[in-house]
Every structure is written in structure tokens, then in C-alpha cells.
Amino acid sequence: MGYAGKNFRSDAALKQEKLESHPKHNIPSKDNLPSIRSIQYESGRTIDIDVANFKGHPLWQILIETARNNPLFSNNAGYAHTHIIPNNPDITPKELASRLSITVGEALAILEGYEKNTP
């Protein structure tokens, strides 16, 4: 190896030394970090929702916006609008969520979009 290879090794050694010399008192230990998995909550898939009551709630628009910003939303919505909803127009958000393996909130947003597109 020529001179460039030698510099690469010395640069890498300097970077590693810099990482190792970082004061460890600034790095929190794993014991001090909260576990987000320890927070217990009820799954939305078990909740029966009356959509008519939800649409008037101030958080409805936030739910729709959040669901639609999911990168998989357009694919899930397209599949649901093409294959699931035409065969079962009375599908509930809970059933749609189960069929697509998504949250009930996403299913609500998909069904909301379908309702707006149909005459």
C-alpha cells in the first residue's frame, strides 16, 4: 500500500481514539433510560367505534392527516378500495384493520377516503 493507505489507517485510528476518549459520564446508562415497551395501553383493534361521533371531534383531522402520512397508506388504501370494500361495502373499521394488519385509525382514514370518492 502506498501513502494513501497509511493515512487512512492513521485517520481511522485517530477517529477511534476520539470515540474511546469521550467522557462516559455524559452517556446515560441503560438502567436510567425509560422502557417505552413497559407502558401498558389497550390496543385500538379491540375498540368498537361509532364513526359518526368521531367525525365531529377536533382530533379527527389530525387522525386523518397522520394516517395519510404513513408511507404505506396509499398502497393499503388502493388495495382496500379495489379488492376489499367493493366486495364488502359495509365493512367496519375494525374488520378492515384486521384484514390489512393496520391500525383502526388507518382503517378509518381509508374508509373516509372511500366514502368521499363514491357518489
C-alpha atoms as a PDB file:
ATOM      1  CA  MET A   1       0.000   0.000   0.000  1.00  0.00           C
ATOM      2  CA  GLY A   2       1.099   3.464  -0.728  1.00  0.00           C
ATOM      3  CA  TYR A   3       0.972   6.622   1.255  1.00  0.00           C
ATOM      4  CA  ALA A   4      -2.847   6.999   0.935  1.00  0.00           C
ATOM      5  CA  GLY A   5      -3.459   3.661   2.676  1.00  0.00           C
ATOM      6  CA  LYS A   6      -1.165   4.638   5.528  1.00  0.00           C
ATOM      7  CA  ASN A   7      -3.032   7.938   6.047  1.00  0.00           C
ATOM      8  CA  PHE A   8      -6.355   6.124   6.019  1.00  0.00           C
ATOM      9  CA  ARG A   9      -5.205   3.842   8.818  1.00  0.00           C
ATOM     10  CA  SER A  10      -3.892   6.714  10.904  1.00  0.00           C
ATOM     11  CA  ASP A  11      -7.099   8.724  10.335  1.00  0.00           C
ATOM     12  CA  ALA A  12      -9.174   5.727  11.386  1.00  0.00           C
ATOM     13  CA  ALA A  13      -7.000   5.241  14.474  1.00  0.00           C
ATOM     14  CA  LEU A  14      -7.420   8.912  15.417  1.00  0.00           C
ATOM     15  CA  LYS A  15     -11.180   8.716  14.990  1.00  0.00           C
ATOM     16  CA  GLN A  16     -11.371   5.551  17.099  1.00  0.00           C
ATOM     17  CA  GLU A  17      -9.218   7.162  19.794  1.00  0.00           C
ATOM     18  CA  LYS A  18     -11.504  10.184  19.795  1.00  0.00           C
ATOM     19  CA  LEU A  19     -14.552   7.948  20.229  1.00  0.00           C
ATOM     20  CA  GLU A  20     -12.948   5.990  23.041  1.00  0.00           C
ATOM     21  CA  SER A  21     -11.779   9.083  24.909  1.00  0.00           C
ATOM     22  CA  HIS A  22     -15.298  10.551  25.059  1.00  0.00           C
ATOM     23  CA  PRO A  23     -16.253  11.122  28.705  1.00  0.00           C
ATOM     24  CA  LYS A  24     -18.577   8.307  29.675  1.00  0.00           C
ATOM     25  CA  HIS A  25     -20.341  10.343  32.349  1.00  0.00           C
ATOM     26  CA  ASN A  26     -22.317  12.161  29.614  1.00  0.00           C
ATOM     27  CA  ILE A  27     -23.707   8.928  28.169  1.00  0.00           C
ATOM     28  CA  PRO A  28     -26.758   7.666  30.091  1.00  0.00           C
ATOM     29  CA  SER A  29     -26.652   4.067  31.215  1.00  0.00           C
ATOM     30  CA  LYS A  30     -29.281   1.601  30.037  1.00  0.00           C
ATOM     31  CA  ASP A  31     -30.585   1.427  33.617  1.00  0.00           C
ATOM     32  CA  ASN A  32     -31.586   5.109  33.554  1.00  0.00           C
ATOM     33  CA  LEU A  33     -33.469   5.004  30.247  1.00  0.00           C
ATOM     34  CA  PRO A  34     -37.248   4.509  30.356  1.00  0.00           C
ATOM     35  CA  SER A  35     -38.596   1.478  28.561  1.00  0.00           C
ATOM     36  CA  ILE A  36     -41.341   2.517  26.153  1.00  0.00           C
ATOM     37  CA  ARG A  37     -42.461  -1.111  25.946  1.00  0.00           C
ATOM     38  CA  SER A  38     -43.271  -1.067  29.672  1.00  0.00           C
ATOM     39  CA  ILE A  39     -46.125   1.412  29.111  1.00  0.00           C
ATOM     40  CA  GLN A  40     -49.366  -0.550  29.022  1.00  0.00           C
ATOM     41  CA  TYR A  41     -52.205   0.518  26.714  1.00  0.00           C
ATOM     42  CA  GLU A  42     -55.246  -1.056  25.189  1.00  0.00           C
ATOM     43  CA  SER A  43     -54.946  -1.940  21.518  1.00  0.00           C
ATOM     44  CA  GLY A  44     -57.168   0.072  19.219  1.00  0.00           C
ATOM     45  CA  ARG A  45     -58.087  -3.105  17.369  1.00  0.00           C
ATOM     46  CA  THR A  46     -60.372  -4.169  20.208  1.00  0.00           C
ATOM     47  CA  ILE A  47     -62.369  -0.911  20.314  1.00  0.00           C
ATOM     48  CA  ASP A  48     -65.714  -0.627  18.540  1.00  0.00           C
ATOM     49  CA  ILE A  49     -66.037   2.876  17.120  1.00  0.00           C
ATOM     50  CA  ASP A  50     -69.102   4.863  16.127  1.00  0.00           C
ATOM     51  CA  VAL A  51     -67.599   6.852  13.237  1.00  0.00           C
ATOM     52  CA  ALA A  52     -70.425   9.415  13.244  1.00  0.00           C
ATOM     53  CA  ASN A  53     -69.406  10.562  16.725  1.00  0.00           C
ATOM     54  CA  PHE A  54     -65.724  10.679  15.788  1.00  0.00           C
ATOM     55  CA  LYS A  55     -66.012  12.947  12.743  1.00  0.00           C
ATOM     56  CA  GLY A  56     -67.116  15.935  14.823  1.00  0.00           C
ATOM     57  CA  HIS A  57     -64.198  15.628  17.230  1.00  0.00           C
ATOM     58  CA  PRO A  58     -61.384  18.198  16.897  1.00  0.00           C
ATOM     59  CA  LEU A  59     -58.796  15.405  16.676  1.00  0.00           C
ATOM     60  CA  TRP A  60     -60.483  13.800  13.650  1.00  0.00           C
ATOM     61  CA  GLN A  61     -58.484  15.876  11.135  1.00  0.00           C
ATOM     62  CA  ILE A  62     -55.253  15.080  12.997  1.00  0.00           C
ATOM     63  CA  LEU A  63     -56.046  11.357  12.838  1.00  0.00           C
ATOM     64  CA  ILE A  64     -56.731  11.531   9.091  1.00  0.00           C
ATOM     65  CA  GLU A  65     -53.593  13.598   8.423  1.00  0.00           C
ATOM     66  CA  THR A  66     -51.414  11.268  10.494  1.00  0.00           C
ATOM     67  CA  ALA A  67     -52.768   8.129   8.833  1.00  0.00           C
ATOM     68  CA  ARG A  68     -52.369   9.564   5.332  1.00  0.00           C
ATOM     69  CA  ASN A  69     -48.747  10.481   6.017  1.00  0.00           C
ATOM     70  CA  ASN A  70     -47.908   6.836   6.667  1.00  0.00           C
ATOM     71  CA  PRO A  71     -45.744   5.721   3.709  1.00  0.00           C
ATOM     72  CA  LEU A  72     -47.834   2.555   3.285  1.00  0.00           C
ATOM     73  CA  PHE A  73     -51.180   4.370   3.358  1.00  0.00           C
ATOM     74  CA  SER A  74     -51.645   4.801  -0.390  1.00  0.00           C
ATOM     75  CA  ASN A  75     -50.901   1.130  -1.090  1.00  0.00           C
ATOM     76  CA  ASN A  76     -53.211  -0.066   1.686  1.00  0.00           C
ATOM     77  CA  ALA A  77     -55.958   2.349   0.608  1.00  0.00           C
ATOM     78  CA  GLY A  78     -55.635   1.363  -3.045  1.00  0.00           C
ATOM     79  CA  TYR A  79     -55.849  -2.329  -2.213  1.00  0.00           C
ATOM     80  CA  ALA A  80     -58.816  -1.773   0.101  1.00  0.00           C
ATOM     81  CA  HIS A  81     -60.661   0.404  -2.429  1.00  0.00           C
ATOM     82  CA  THR A  82     -60.047  -2.089  -5.241  1.00  0.00           C
ATOM     83  CA  HIS A  83     -60.346  -5.508  -3.596  1.00  0.00           C
ATOM     84  CA  ILE A  84     -61.906  -5.362  -0.146  1.00  0.00           C
ATOM     85  CA  ILE A  85     -64.522  -2.607   0.051  1.00  0.00           C
ATOM     86  CA  PRO A  86     -66.340  -3.342  -3.268  1.00  0.00           C
ATOM     87  CA  ASN A  87     -66.904  -6.938  -2.106  1.00  0.00           C
ATOM     88  CA  ASN A  88     -67.886  -5.855   1.409  1.00  0.00           C
ATOM     89  CA  PRO A  89     -69.201  -2.259   1.354  1.00  0.00           C
ATOM     90  CA  ASP A  90     -70.421  -2.469   4.974  1.00  0.00           C
ATOM     91  CA  ILE A  91     -67.009  -3.466   6.371  1.00  0.00           C
ATOM     92  CA  THR A  92     -66.255  -1.943   9.765  1.00  0.00           C
ATOM     93  CA  PRO A  93     -63.003  -0.134  10.544  1.00  0.00           C
ATOM     94  CA  LYS A  94     -62.131  -2.930  12.968  1.00  0.00           C
ATOM     95  CA  GLU A  95     -62.617  -5.621  10.283  1.00  0.00           C
ATOM     96  CA  LEU A  96     -60.643  -3.638   7.699  1.00  0.00           C
ATOM     97  CA  ALA A  97     -57.830  -3.081  10.183  1.00  0.00           C
ATOM     98  CA  SER A  98     -57.716  -6.805  10.848  1.00  0.00           C
ATOM     99  CA  ARG A  99     -57.737  -7.733   7.132  1.00  0.00           C
ATOM    100  CA  LEU A 100     -54.909  -5.306   6.279  1.00  0.00           C
ATOM    101  CA  SER A 101     -52.986  -5.654   9.550  1.00  0.00           C
ATOM    102  CA  ILE A 102     -53.148  -1.907  10.176  1.00  0.00           C
ATOM    103  CA  THR A 103     -54.418   0.283  12.997  1.00  0.00           C
ATOM    104  CA  VAL A 104     -58.078   1.164  13.335  1.00  0.00           C
ATOM    105  CA  GLY A 105     -57.124   4.820  12.802  1.00  0.00           C
ATOM    106  CA  GLU A 106     -55.646   3.991   9.397  1.00  0.00           C
ATOM    107  CA  ALA A 107     -58.730   1.939   8.544  1.00  0.00           C
ATOM    108  CA  LEU A 108     -60.934   4.907   9.464  1.00  0.00           C
ATOM    109  CA  ALA A 109     -58.901   7.135   7.138  1.00  0.00           C
ATOM    110  CA  ILE A 110     -59.160   4.596   4.304  1.00  0.00           C
ATOM    111  CA  LEU A 111     -62.921   4.298   4.734  1.00  0.00           C
ATOM    112  CA  GLU A 112     -63.257   8.088   4.959  1.00  0.00           C
ATOM    113  CA  GLY A 113     -61.440   8.453   1.642  1.00  0.00           C
ATOM    114  CA  TYR A 114     -63.651   5.822   0.042  1.00  0.00           C
ATOM    115  CA  GLU A 115     -66.842   7.496   1.245  1.00  0.00           C
ATOM    116  CA  LYS A 116     -65.748  10.804  -0.299  1.00  0.00           C
ATOM    117  CA  ASN A 117     -64.939   9.200  -3.674  1.00  0.00           C
ATOM    118  CA  THR A 118     -68.206   7.334  -4.156  1.00  0.00           C
ATOM    119  CA  PRO A 119     -71.357   9.098  -5.409  1.00  0.00           C
END
